[in-house]
Amino acid sequence: MDHLIEKNYNESKNIWEVSVQGEIDIFNSQEFKSELLELLEEKKINIEIDCDKLVYIDSTGLGSLIAVLKKTKEFGGEISLLNIKSTLYKLFKITNLDKVFSIEGEKDEQ
């Protein structure tokens, strides 16, 4: 399954709202990173990524997230990850990325 990204600028919160679906892996992580960096070129503001429908992310996907986070830190911004499934949250915890990203509302597997 390929990933699908939906993006929206929330004017009232002044934030990019991004929803990710499917997988972020070696085959599409560069495209994922490029899409997020394009958002930051348009408006240098925080990004919220809803991971509710994200089923898999590999090390290249994590690398893309880190690259985008570095770009947001350049202007004092941050990336929040929302609704991460417990299996994916474990990956962030093992790699200590749970201390780097703002992670809210991780979900249990059903």
PDB file of N, CA and C in Angstrom:
ATOM      1  N   MET A   1       0.845  -1.185   0.000  1.00  0.00           N
ATOM      2  CA  MET A   1       0.000   0.000   0.000  1.00  0.00           C
ATOM      3  C   MET A   1       0.886   1.242   0.000  1.00  0.00           C
ATOM      4  N   ASP A   2       0.603   2.165  -0.862  1.00  0.00           N
ATOM      5  CA  ASP A   2       1.345   3.411  -0.910  1.00  0.00           C
ATOM      6  C   ASP A   2       0.772   4.387   0.106  1.00  0.00           C
ATOM      7  N   HIS A   3       1.557   5.396   0.426  1.00  0.00           N
ATOM      8  CA  HIS A   3       1.042   6.398   1.359  1.00  0.00           C
ATOM      9  C   HIS A   3       0.220   7.423   0.591  1.00  0.00           C
ATOM     10  N   LEU A   4      -0.638   8.077   1.293  1.00  0.00           N
ATOM     11  CA  LEU A   4      -1.434   9.148   0.743  1.00  0.00           C
ATOM     12  C   LEU A   4      -1.388  10.288   1.746  1.00  0.00           C
ATOM     13  N   ILE A   5      -1.098  11.480   1.265  1.00  0.00           N
ATOM     14  CA  ILE A   5      -1.016  12.622   2.155  1.00  0.00           C
ATOM     15  C   ILE A   5      -2.081  13.638   1.770  1.00  0.00           C
ATOM     16  N   GLU A   6      -2.807  14.103   2.759  1.00  0.00           N
ATOM     17  CA  GLU A   6      -3.757  15.190   2.576  1.00  0.00           C
ATOM     18  C   GLU A   6      -3.268  16.339   3.434  1.00  0.00           C
ATOM     19  N   LYS A   7      -3.309  17.539   2.882  1.00  0.00           N
ATOM     20  CA  LYS A   7      -2.799  18.693   3.619  1.00  0.00           C
ATOM     21  C   LYS A   7      -3.798  19.836   3.589  1.00  0.00           C
ATOM     22  N   ASN A   8      -3.808  20.585   4.674  1.00  0.00           N
ATOM     23  CA  ASN A   8      -4.736  21.693   4.816  1.00  0.00           C
ATOM     24  C   ASN A   8      -4.107  22.751   5.724  1.00  0.00           C
ATOM     25  N   TYR A   9      -4.221  24.006   5.334  1.00  0.00           N
ATOM     26  CA  TYR A   9      -3.791  25.094   6.202  1.00  0.00           C
ATOM     27  C   TYR A   9      -4.971  25.508   7.073  1.00  0.00           C
ATOM     28  N   ASN A  10      -4.827  25.374   8.382  1.00  0.00           N
ATOM     29  CA  ASN A  10      -5.864  25.776   9.320  1.00  0.00           C
ATOM     30  C   ASN A  10      -5.558  27.212   9.746  1.00  0.00           C
ATOM     31  N   GLU A  11      -6.310  28.138   9.178  1.00  0.00           N
ATOM     32  CA  GLU A  11      -6.052  29.552   9.412  1.00  0.00           C
ATOM     33  C   GLU A  11      -6.285  29.954  10.864  1.00  0.00           C
ATOM     34  N   SER A  12      -7.318  29.401  11.499  1.00  0.00           N
ATOM     35  CA  SER A  12      -7.626  29.791  12.876  1.00  0.00           C
ATOM     36  C   SER A  12      -6.536  29.343  13.854  1.00  0.00           C
ATOM     37  N   LYS A  13      -5.921  28.196  13.593  1.00  0.00           N
ATOM     38  CA  LYS A  13      -4.841  27.711  14.456  1.00  0.00           C
ATOM     39  C   LYS A  13      -3.456  28.075  13.910  1.00  0.00           C
ATOM     40  N   ASN A  14      -3.406  28.610  12.678  1.00  0.00           N
ATOM     41  CA  ASN A  14      -2.156  28.938  11.990  1.00  0.00           C
ATOM     42  C   ASN A  14      -1.198  27.754  12.014  1.00  0.00           C
ATOM     43  N   ILE A  15      -1.676  26.659  11.450  1.00  0.00           N
ATOM     44  CA  ILE A  15      -0.910  25.417  11.466  1.00  0.00           C
ATOM     45  C   ILE A  15      -1.229  24.609  10.202  1.00  0.00           C
ATOM     46  N   TRP A  16      -0.243  23.847   9.736  1.00  0.00           N
ATOM     47  CA  TRP A  16      -0.492  22.894   8.657  1.00  0.00           C
ATOM     48  C   TRP A  16      -1.061  21.626   9.267  1.00  0.00           C
ATOM     49  N   GLU A  17      -2.185  21.168   8.770  1.00  0.00           N
ATOM     50  CA  GLU A  17      -2.762  19.902   9.195  1.00  0.00           C
ATOM     51  C   GLU A  17      -2.545  18.907   8.062  1.00  0.00           C
ATOM     52  N   VAL A  18      -1.850  17.832   8.380  1.00  0.00           N
ATOM     53  CA  VAL A  18      -1.508  16.822   7.391  1.00  0.00           C
ATOM     54  C   VAL A  18      -2.048  15.483   7.879  1.00  0.00           C
ATOM     55  N   SER A  19      -2.632  14.732   6.962  1.00  0.00           N
ATOM     56  CA  SER A  19      -3.108  13.393   7.278  1.00  0.00           C
ATOM     57  C   SER A  19      -2.359  12.409   6.381  1.00  0.00           C
ATOM     58  N   VAL A  20      -1.826  11.356   6.983  1.00  0.00           N
ATOM     59  CA  VAL A  20      -1.046  10.366   6.247  1.00  0.00           C
ATOM     60  C   VAL A  20      -1.780   9.036   6.300  1.00  0.00           C
ATOM     61  N   GLN A  21      -1.799   8.354   5.160  1.00  0.00           N
ATOM     62  CA  GLN A  21      -2.486   7.067   5.073  1.00  0.00           C
ATOM     63  C   GLN A  21      -1.560   6.064   4.401  1.00  0.00           C
ATOM     64  N   GLY A  22      -1.555   4.842   4.884  1.00  0.00           N
ATOM     65  CA  GLY A  22      -0.792   3.781   4.232  1.00  0.00           C
ATOM     66  C   GLY A  22       0.599   3.626   4.809  1.00  0.00           C
ATOM     67  N   GLU A  23       1.598   3.623   3.926  1.00  0.00           N
ATOM     68  CA  GLU A  23       2.972   3.340   4.318  1.00  0.00           C
ATOM     69  C   GLU A  23       3.905   4.467   3.885  1.00  0.00           C
ATOM     70  N   ILE A  24       4.899   4.726   4.704  1.00  0.00           N
ATOM     71  CA  ILE A  24       5.991   5.621   4.324  1.00  0.00           C
ATOM     72  C   ILE A  24       7.253   4.784   4.393  1.00  0.00           C
ATOM     73  N   ASP A  25       7.835   4.512   3.228  1.00  0.00           N
ATOM     74  CA  ASP A  25       8.991   3.625   3.167  1.00  0.00           C
ATOM     75  C   ASP A  25       9.981   4.100   2.116  1.00  0.00           C
ATOM     76  N   ILE A  26      10.951   3.267   1.821  1.00  0.00           N
ATOM     77  CA  ILE A  26      12.019   3.628   0.897  1.00  0.00           C
ATOM     78  C   ILE A  26      11.493   4.031  -0.483  1.00  0.00           C
ATOM     79  N   PHE A  27      10.317   3.540  -0.847  1.00  0.00           N
ATOM     80  CA  PHE A  27       9.765   3.817  -2.171  1.00  0.00           C
ATOM     81  C   PHE A  27       9.092   5.180  -2.280  1.00  0.00           C
ATOM     82  N   ASN A  28       8.649   5.742  -1.158  1.00  0.00           N
ATOM     83  CA  ASN A  28       7.932   7.014  -1.246  1.00  0.00           C
ATOM     84  C   ASN A  28       8.352   8.056  -0.208  1.00  0.00           C
ATOM     85  N   SER A  29       9.339   7.748   0.610  1.00  0.00           N
ATOM     86  CA  SER A  29       9.721   8.682   1.678  1.00  0.00           C
ATOM     87  C   SER A  29      10.273   9.999   1.135  1.00  0.00           C
ATOM     88  N   GLN A  30      10.965   9.950  -0.004  1.00  0.00           N
ATOM     89  CA  GLN A  30      11.504  11.180  -0.589  1.00  0.00           C
ATOM     90  C   GLN A  30      10.366  12.103  -1.040  1.00  0.00           C
ATOM     91  N   GLU A  31       9.348  11.510  -1.644  1.00  0.00           N
ATOM     92  CA  GLU A  31       8.175  12.283  -2.069  1.00  0.00           C
ATOM     93  C   GLU A  31       7.455  12.866  -0.848  1.00  0.00           C
ATOM     94  N   PHE A  32       7.324  12.064   0.195  1.00  0.00           N
ATOM     95  CA  PHE A  32       6.700  12.519   1.441  1.00  0.00           C
ATOM     96  C   PHE A  32       7.443  13.729   2.004  1.00  0.00           C
ATOM     97  N   LYS A  33       8.764  13.608   2.081  1.00  0.00           N
ATOM     98  CA  LYS A  33       9.589  14.702   2.598  1.00  0.00           C
ATOM     99  C   LYS A  33       9.436  15.948   1.729  1.00  0.00           C
ATOM    100  N   SER A  34       9.472  15.777   0.423  1.00  0.00           N
ATOM    101  CA  SER A  34       9.350  16.913  -0.494  1.00  0.00           C
ATOM    102  C   SER A  34       8.021  17.643  -0.317  1.00  0.00           C
ATOM    103  N   GLU A  35       6.949  16.883  -0.158  1.00  0.00           N
ATOM    104  CA  GLU A  35       5.627  17.498   0.021  1.00  0.00           C
ATOM    105  C   GLU A  35       5.578  18.330   1.302  1.00  0.00           C
ATOM    106  N   LEU A  36       6.153  17.808   2.382  1.00  0.00           N
ATOM    107  CA  LEU A  36       6.148  18.559   3.642  1.00  0.00           C
ATOM    108  C   LEU A  36       7.046  19.793   3.550  1.00  0.00           C
ATOM    109  N   LEU A  37       8.192  19.662   2.914  1.00  0.00           N
ATOM    110  CA  LEU A  37       9.088  20.812   2.768  1.00  0.00           C
ATOM    111  C   LEU A  37       8.447  21.901   1.906  1.00  0.00           C
ATOM    112  N   GLU A  38       7.669  21.505   0.901  1.00  0.00           N
ATOM    113  CA  GLU A  38       6.942  22.487   0.083  1.00  0.00           C
ATOM    114  C   GLU A  38       5.955  23.279   0.932  1.00  0.00           C
ATOM    115  N   LEU A  39       5.299  22.609   1.879  1.00  0.00           N
ATOM    116  CA  LEU A  39       4.385  23.316   2.777  1.00  0.00           C
ATOM    117  C   LEU A  39       5.132  24.381   3.564  1.00  0.00           C
ATOM    118  N   LEU A  40       6.321  24.019   4.058  1.00  0.00           N
ATOM    119  CA  LEU A  40       7.099  24.956   4.855  1.00  0.00           C
ATOM    120  C   LEU A  40       7.635  26.113   4.017  1.00  0.00           C
ATOM    121  N   GLU A  41       7.857  25.874   2.731  1.00  0.00           N
ATOM    122  CA  GLU A  41       8.259  26.966   1.851  1.00  0.00           C
ATOM    123  C   GLU A  41       7.111  27.960   1.687  1.00  0.00           C
ATOM    124  N   GLU A  42       5.905  27.428   1.646  1.00  0.00           N
ATOM    125  CA  GLU A  42       4.722  28.281   1.489  1.00  0.00           C
ATOM    126  C   GLU A  42       4.451  29.084   2.753  1.00  0.00           C
ATOM    127  N   LYS A  43       4.461  28.407   3.905  1.00  0.00           N
ATOM    128  CA  LYS A  43       4.248  29.060   5.206  1.00  0.00           C
ATOM    129  C   LYS A  43       5.110  28.363   6.242  1.00  0.00           C
ATOM    130  N   LYS A  44       5.959  29.123   6.892  1.00  0.00           N
ATOM    131  CA  LYS A  44       6.837  28.575   7.924  1.00  0.00           C
ATOM    132  C   LYS A  44       6.084  28.546   9.253  1.00  0.00           C
ATOM    133  N   ILE A  45       5.303  27.489   9.426  1.00  0.00           N
ATOM    134  CA  ILE A  45       4.489  27.313  10.630  1.00  0.00           C
ATOM    135  C   ILE A  45       4.570  25.853  11.068  1.00  0.00           C
ATOM    136  N   ASN A  46       4.039  25.570  12.254  1.00  0.00           N
ATOM    137  CA  ASN A  46       4.035  24.210  12.783  1.00  0.00           C
ATOM    138  C   ASN A  46       3.221  23.273  11.896  1.00  0.00           C
ATOM    139  N   ILE A  47       3.544  21.978  12.014  1.00  0.00           N
ATOM    140  CA  ILE A  47       2.833  20.942  11.271  1.00  0.00           C
ATOM    141  C   ILE A  47       2.274  19.928  12.260  1.00  0.00           C
ATOM    142  N   GLU A  48       0.995  19.600  12.098  1.00  0.00           N
ATOM    143  CA  GLU A  48       0.367  18.492  12.819  1.00  0.00           C
ATOM    144  C   GLU A  48       0.147  17.373  11.818  1.00  0.00           C
ATOM    145  N   ILE A  49       0.677  16.195  12.116  1.00  0.00           N
ATOM    146  CA  ILE A  49       0.499  15.054  11.222  1.00  0.00           C
ATOM    147  C   ILE A  49      -0.381  14.021  11.915  1.00  0.00           C
ATOM    148  N   ASP A  50      -1.561  13.798  11.347  1.00  0.00           N
ATOM    149  CA  ASP A  50      -2.478  12.789  11.875  1.00  0.00           C
ATOM    150  C   ASP A  50      -2.063  11.439  11.292  1.00  0.00           C
ATOM    151  N   CYS A  51      -1.628  10.536  12.162  1.00  0.00           N
ATOM    152  CA  CYS A  51      -1.115   9.223  11.751  1.00  0.00           C
ATOM    153  C   CYS A  51      -2.131   8.111  11.966  1.00  0.00           C
ATOM    154  N   ASP A  52      -3.394   8.470  12.150  1.00  0.00           N
ATOM    155  CA  ASP A  52      -4.424   7.481  12.437  1.00  0.00           C
ATOM    156  C   ASP A  52      -4.483   6.384  11.379  1.00  0.00           C
ATOM    157  N   LYS A  53      -4.244   6.724  10.110  1.00  0.00           N
ATOM    158  CA  LYS A  53      -4.334   5.744   9.024  1.00  0.00           C
ATOM    159  C   LYS A  53      -2.959   5.341   8.497  1.00  0.00           C
ATOM    160  N   LEU A  54      -1.916   5.703   9.226  1.00  0.00           N
ATOM    161  CA  LEU A  54      -0.566   5.266   8.869  1.00  0.00           C
ATOM    162  C   LEU A  54      -0.363   3.860   9.414  1.00  0.00           C
ATOM    163  N   VAL A  55      -0.027   2.915   8.533  1.00  0.00           N
ATOM    164  CA  VAL A  55       0.104   1.528   8.974  1.00  0.00           C
ATOM    165  C   VAL A  55       1.554   1.072   9.082  1.00  0.00           C
ATOM    166  N   TYR A  56       2.477   1.804   8.432  1.00  0.00           N
ATOM    167  CA  TYR A  56       3.877   1.368   8.442  1.00  0.00           C
ATOM    168  C   TYR A  56       4.781   2.551   8.130  1.00  0.00           C
ATOM    169  N   ILE A  57       5.920   2.603   8.805  1.00  0.00           N
ATOM    170  CA  ILE A  57       6.952   3.577   8.488  1.00  0.00           C
ATOM    171  C   ILE A  57       8.297   2.900   8.716  1.00  0.00           C
ATOM    172  N   ASP A  58       9.225   3.041   7.770  1.00  0.00           N
ATOM    173  CA  ASP A  58      10.549   2.437   7.932  1.00  0.00           C
ATOM    174  C   ASP A  58      11.576   3.523   8.252  1.00  0.00           C
ATOM    175  N   SER A  59      12.848   3.147   8.284  1.00  0.00           N
ATOM    176  CA  SER A  59      13.895   4.082   8.673  1.00  0.00           C
ATOM    177  C   SER A  59      14.020   5.256   7.705  1.00  0.00           C
ATOM    178  N   THR A  60      13.745   5.035   6.422  1.00  0.00           N
ATOM    179  CA  THR A  60      13.803   6.166   5.485  1.00  0.00           C
ATOM    180  C   THR A  60      12.657   7.136   5.743  1.00  0.00           C
ATOM    181  N   GLY A  61      11.514   6.604   6.134  1.00  0.00           N
ATOM    182  CA  GLY A  61      10.388   7.461   6.509  1.00  0.00           C
ATOM    183  C   GLY A  61      10.698   8.275   7.750  1.00  0.00           C
ATOM    184  N   LEU A  62      11.326   7.622   8.734  1.00  0.00           N
ATOM    185  CA  LEU A  62      11.740   8.345   9.943  1.00  0.00           C
ATOM    186  C   LEU A  62      12.758   9.425   9.580  1.00  0.00           C
ATOM    187  N   GLY A  63      13.681   9.087   8.671  1.00  0.00           N
ATOM    188  CA  GLY A  63      14.675  10.065   8.228  1.00  0.00           C
ATOM    189  C   GLY A  63      14.030  11.270   7.565  1.00  0.00           C
ATOM    190  N   SER A  64      12.987  11.038   6.795  1.00  0.00           N
ATOM    191  CA  SER A  64      12.265  12.141   6.156  1.00  0.00           C
ATOM    192  C   SER A  64      11.608  13.033   7.201  1.00  0.00           C
ATOM    193  N   LEU A  65      10.991  12.419   8.206  1.00  0.00           N
ATOM    194  CA  LEU A  65      10.376  13.203   9.283  1.00  0.00           C
ATOM    195  C   LEU A  65      11.425  14.046  10.022  1.00  0.00           C
ATOM    196  N   ILE A  66      12.589  13.458  10.266  1.00  0.00           N
ATOM    197  CA  ILE A  66      13.660  14.176  10.963  1.00  0.00           C
ATOM    198  C   ILE A  66      14.148  15.352  10.122  1.00  0.00           C
ATOM    199  N   ALA A  67      14.295  15.146   8.815  1.00  0.00           N
ATOM    200  CA  ALA A  67      14.736  16.229   7.925  1.00  0.00           C
ATOM    201  C   ALA A  67      13.747  17.392   7.947  1.00  0.00           C
ATOM    202  N   VAL A  68      12.457  17.075   7.931  1.00  0.00           N
ATOM    203  CA  VAL A  68      11.439  18.118   7.959  1.00  0.00           C
ATOM    204  C   VAL A  68      11.430  18.794   9.333  1.00  0.00           C
ATOM    205  N   LEU A  69      11.622  18.017  10.398  1.00  0.00           N
ATOM    206  CA  LEU A  69      11.681  18.597  11.737  1.00  0.00           C
ATOM    207  C   LEU A  69      12.845  19.585  11.847  1.00  0.00           C
ATOM    208  N   LYS A  70      14.001  19.229  11.299  1.00  0.00           N
ATOM    209  CA  LYS A  70      15.147  20.148  11.322  1.00  0.00           C
ATOM    210  C   LYS A  70      14.797  21.461  10.642  1.00  0.00           C
ATOM    211  N   LYS A  71      14.061  21.382   9.539  1.00  0.00           N
ATOM    212  CA  LYS A  71      13.649  22.595   8.823  1.00  0.00           C
ATOM    213  C   LYS A  71      12.704  23.434   9.677  1.00  0.00           C
ATOM    214  N   THR A  72      11.773  22.781  10.385  1.00  0.00           N
ATOM    215  CA  THR A  72      10.845  23.535  11.233  1.00  0.00           C
ATOM    216  C   THR A  72      11.576  24.164  12.418  1.00  0.00           C
ATOM    217  N   LYS A  73      12.590  23.487  12.934  1.00  0.00           N
ATOM    218  CA  LYS A  73      13.349  24.023  14.073  1.00  0.00           C
ATOM    219  C   LYS A  73      14.110  25.287  13.682  1.00  0.00           C
ATOM    220  N   GLU A  74      14.442  25.437  12.389  1.00  0.00           N
ATOM    221  CA  GLU A  74      15.153  26.629  11.926  1.00  0.00           C
ATOM    222  C   GLU A  74      14.365  27.902  12.209  1.00  0.00           C
ATOM    223  N   PHE A  75      13.034  27.811  12.232  1.00  0.00           N
ATOM    224  CA  PHE A  75      12.223  28.997  12.529  1.00  0.00           C
ATOM    225  C   PHE A  75      11.494  28.854  13.868  1.00  0.00           C
ATOM    226  N   GLY A  76      11.956  27.930  14.711  1.00  0.00           N
ATOM    227  CA  GLY A  76      11.381  27.763  16.043  1.00  0.00           C
ATOM    228  C   GLY A  76      10.086  26.972  16.059  1.00  0.00           C
ATOM    229  N   GLY A  77       9.806  26.243  14.983  1.00  0.00           N
ATOM    230  CA  GLY A  77       8.566  25.474  14.904  1.00  0.00           C
ATOM    231  C   GLY A  77       8.719  24.052  15.398  1.00  0.00           C
ATOM    232  N   GLU A  78       7.642  23.294  15.288  1.00  0.00           N
ATOM    233  CA  GLU A  78       7.672  21.889  15.695  1.00  0.00           C
ATOM    234  C   GLU A  78       6.708  21.069  14.854  1.00  0.00           C
ATOM    235  N   ILE A  79       6.884  19.765  14.941  1.00  0.00           N
ATOM    236  CA  ILE A  79       5.984  18.818  14.298  1.00  0.00           C
ATOM    237  C   ILE A  79       5.312  18.010  15.399  1.00  0.00           C
ATOM    238  N   SER A  80       4.004  17.949  15.347  1.00  0.00           N
ATOM    239  CA  SER A  80       3.240  17.116  16.278  1.00  0.00           C
ATOM    240  C   SER A  80       2.708  15.916  15.513  1.00  0.00           C
ATOM    241  N   LEU A  81       2.871  14.744  16.102  1.00  0.00           N
ATOM    242  CA  LEU A  81       2.343  13.509  15.523  1.00  0.00           C
ATOM    243  C   LEU A  81       1.138  13.094  16.354  1.00  0.00           C
ATOM    244  N   LEU A  82       0.010  12.914  15.689  1.00  0.00           N
ATOM    245  CA  LEU A  82      -1.241  12.603  16.380  1.00  0.00           C
ATOM    246  C   LEU A  82      -1.703  11.195  16.038  1.00  0.00           C
ATOM    247  N   ASN A  83      -2.315  10.543  16.998  1.00  0.00           N
ATOM    248  CA  ASN A  83      -3.014   9.267  16.787  1.00  0.00           C
ATOM    249  C   ASN A  83      -2.130   8.158  16.230  1.00  0.00           C
ATOM    250  N   ILE A  84      -0.942   8.015  16.771  1.00  0.00           N
ATOM    251  CA  ILE A  84      -0.040   6.950  16.317  1.00  0.00           C
ATOM    252  C   ILE A  84      -0.474   5.624  16.932  1.00  0.00           C
ATOM    253  N   LYS A  85      -0.550   4.600  16.122  1.00  0.00           N
ATOM    254  CA  LYS A  85      -0.870   3.265  16.614  1.00  0.00           C
ATOM    255  C   LYS A  85       0.266   2.766  17.509  1.00  0.00           C
ATOM    256  N   SER A  86      -0.051   1.907  18.439  1.00  0.00           N
ATOM    257  CA  SER A  86       0.938   1.463  19.421  1.00  0.00           C
ATOM    258  C   SER A  86       2.137   0.777  18.773  1.00  0.00           C
ATOM    259  N   THR A  87       1.921   0.036  17.689  1.00  0.00           N
ATOM    260  CA  THR A  87       3.049  -0.639  17.029  1.00  0.00           C
ATOM    261  C   THR A  87       4.031   0.377  16.445  1.00  0.00           C
ATOM    262  N   LEU A  88       3.519   1.477  15.902  1.00  0.00           N
ATOM    263  CA  LEU A  88       4.400   2.511  15.360  1.00  0.00           C
ATOM    264  C   LEU A  88       5.018   3.336  16.482  1.00  0.00           C
ATOM    265  N   TYR A  89       4.249   3.557  17.544  1.00  0.00           N
ATOM    266  CA  TYR A  89       4.780   4.310  18.675  1.00  0.00           C
ATOM    267  C   TYR A  89       5.998   3.610  19.271  1.00  0.00           C
ATOM    268  N   LYS A  90       5.968   2.277  19.304  1.00  0.00           N
ATOM    269  CA  LYS A  90       7.113   1.515  19.823  1.00  0.00           C
ATOM    270  C   LYS A  90       8.382   1.833  19.046  1.00  0.00           C
ATOM    271  N   LEU A  91       8.256   1.987  17.725  1.00  0.00           N
ATOM    272  CA  LEU A  91       9.404   2.335  16.894  1.00  0.00           C
ATOM    273  C   LEU A  91       9.970   3.700  17.287  1.00  0.00           C
ATOM    274  N   PHE A  92       9.096   4.668  17.524  1.00  0.00           N
ATOM    275  CA  PHE A  92       9.551   5.991  17.957  1.00  0.00           C
ATOM    276  C   PHE A  92      10.211   5.911  19.334  1.00  0.00           C
ATOM    277  N   LYS A  93       9.669   5.074  20.209  1.00  0.00           N
ATOM    278  CA  LYS A  93      10.227   4.924  21.553  1.00  0.00           C
ATOM    279  C   LYS A  93      11.597   4.243  21.509  1.00  0.00           C
ATOM    280  N   ILE A  94      11.728   3.169  20.730  1.00  0.00           N
ATOM    281  CA  ILE A  94      13.000   2.439  20.623  1.00  0.00           C
ATOM    282  C   ILE A  94      14.106   3.339  20.079  1.00  0.00           C
ATOM    283  N   THR A  95      13.751   4.205  19.139  1.00  0.00           N
ATOM    284  CA  THR A  95      14.743   5.082  18.511  1.00  0.00           C
ATOM    285  C   THR A  95      14.896   6.422  19.253  1.00  0.00           C
ATOM    286  N   ASN A  96      14.209   6.562  20.378  1.00  0.00           N
ATOM    287  CA  ASN A  96      14.200   7.786  21.182  1.00  0.00           C
ATOM    288  C   ASN A  96      13.606   8.986  20.450  1.00  0.00           C
ATOM    289  N   LEU A  97      12.925   8.755  19.352  1.00  0.00           N
ATOM    290  CA  LEU A  97      12.293   9.855  18.637  1.00  0.00           C
ATOM    291  C   LEU A  97      11.033  10.344  19.348  1.00  0.00           C
ATOM    292  N   ASP A  98      10.565   9.568  20.331  1.00  0.00           N
ATOM    293  CA  ASP A  98       9.437  10.035  21.137  1.00  0.00           C
ATOM    294  C   ASP A  98       9.833  11.240  21.983  1.00  0.00           C
ATOM    295  N   LYS A  99      11.145  11.454  22.144  1.00  0.00           N
ATOM    296  CA  LYS A  99      11.638  12.610  22.892  1.00  0.00           C
ATOM    297  C   LYS A  99      11.890  13.804  21.964  1.00  0.00           C
ATOM    298  N   VAL A 100      11.899  13.564  20.653  1.00  0.00           N
ATOM    299  CA  VAL A 100      12.202  14.592  19.665  1.00  0.00           C
ATOM    300  C   VAL A 100      10.924  15.187  19.084  1.00  0.00           C
ATOM    301  N   PHE A 101       9.942  14.333  18.841  1.00  0.00           N
ATOM    302  CA  PHE A 101       8.670  14.780  18.282  1.00  0.00           C
ATOM    303  C   PHE A 101       7.641  14.925  19.393  1.00  0.00           C
ATOM    304  N   SER A 102       6.727  15.856  19.215  1.00  0.00           N
ATOM    305  CA  SER A 102       5.575  15.964  20.101  1.00  0.00           C
ATOM    306  C   SER A 102       4.568  14.916  19.641  1.00  0.00           C
ATOM    307  N   ILE A 103       4.333  13.902  20.472  1.00  0.00           N
ATOM    308  CA  ILE A 103       3.438  12.804  20.105  1.00  0.00           C
ATOM    309  C   ILE A 103       2.233  12.838  21.030  1.00  0.00           C
ATOM    310  N   GLU A 104       1.049  12.954  20.413  1.00  0.00           N
ATOM    311  CA  GLU A 104      -0.180  13.057  21.177  1.00  0.00           C
ATOM    312  C   GLU A 104      -1.158  11.966  20.768  1.00  0.00           C
ATOM    313  N   GLY A 105      -1.805  11.381  21.741  1.00  0.00           N
ATOM    314  CA  GLY A 105      -2.897  10.452  21.481  1.00  0.00           C
ATOM    315  C   GLY A 105      -2.507   9.172  20.798  1.00  0.00           C
ATOM    316  N   GLU A 106      -1.403   8.545  21.261  1.00  0.00           N
ATOM    317  CA  GLU A 106      -1.088   7.257  20.633  1.00  0.00           C
ATOM    318  C   GLU A 106      -2.206   6.285  20.935  1.00  0.00           C
ATOM    319  N   LYS A 107      -2.456   5.405  19.989  1.00  0.00           N
ATOM    320  CA  LYS A 107      -3.610   4.523  20.083  1.00  0.00           C
ATOM    321  C   LYS A 107      -3.171   3.082  20.324  1.00  0.00           C
ATOM    322  N   ASP A 108      -4.036   2.339  20.983  1.00  0.00           N
ATOM    323  CA  ASP A 108      -3.818   0.908  21.149  1.00  0.00           C
ATOM    324  C   ASP A 108      -4.302   0.185  19.920  1.00  0.00           C
ATOM    325  N   GLU A 109      -3.655  -0.919  19.606  1.00  0.00           N
ATOM    326  CA  GLU A 109      -4.115  -1.761  18.499  1.00  0.00           C
ATOM    327  C   GLU A 109      -5.435  -2.405  18.896  1.00  0.00           C
ATOM    328  N   GLN A 110      -6.316  -2.557  17.931  1.00  0.00           N
ATOM    329  CA  GLN A 110      -7.613  -3.153  18.226  1.00  0.00           C
ATOM    330  C   GLN A 110      -7.715  -4.493  17.596  1.00  0.00           C
TER     331      GLN A 110
END
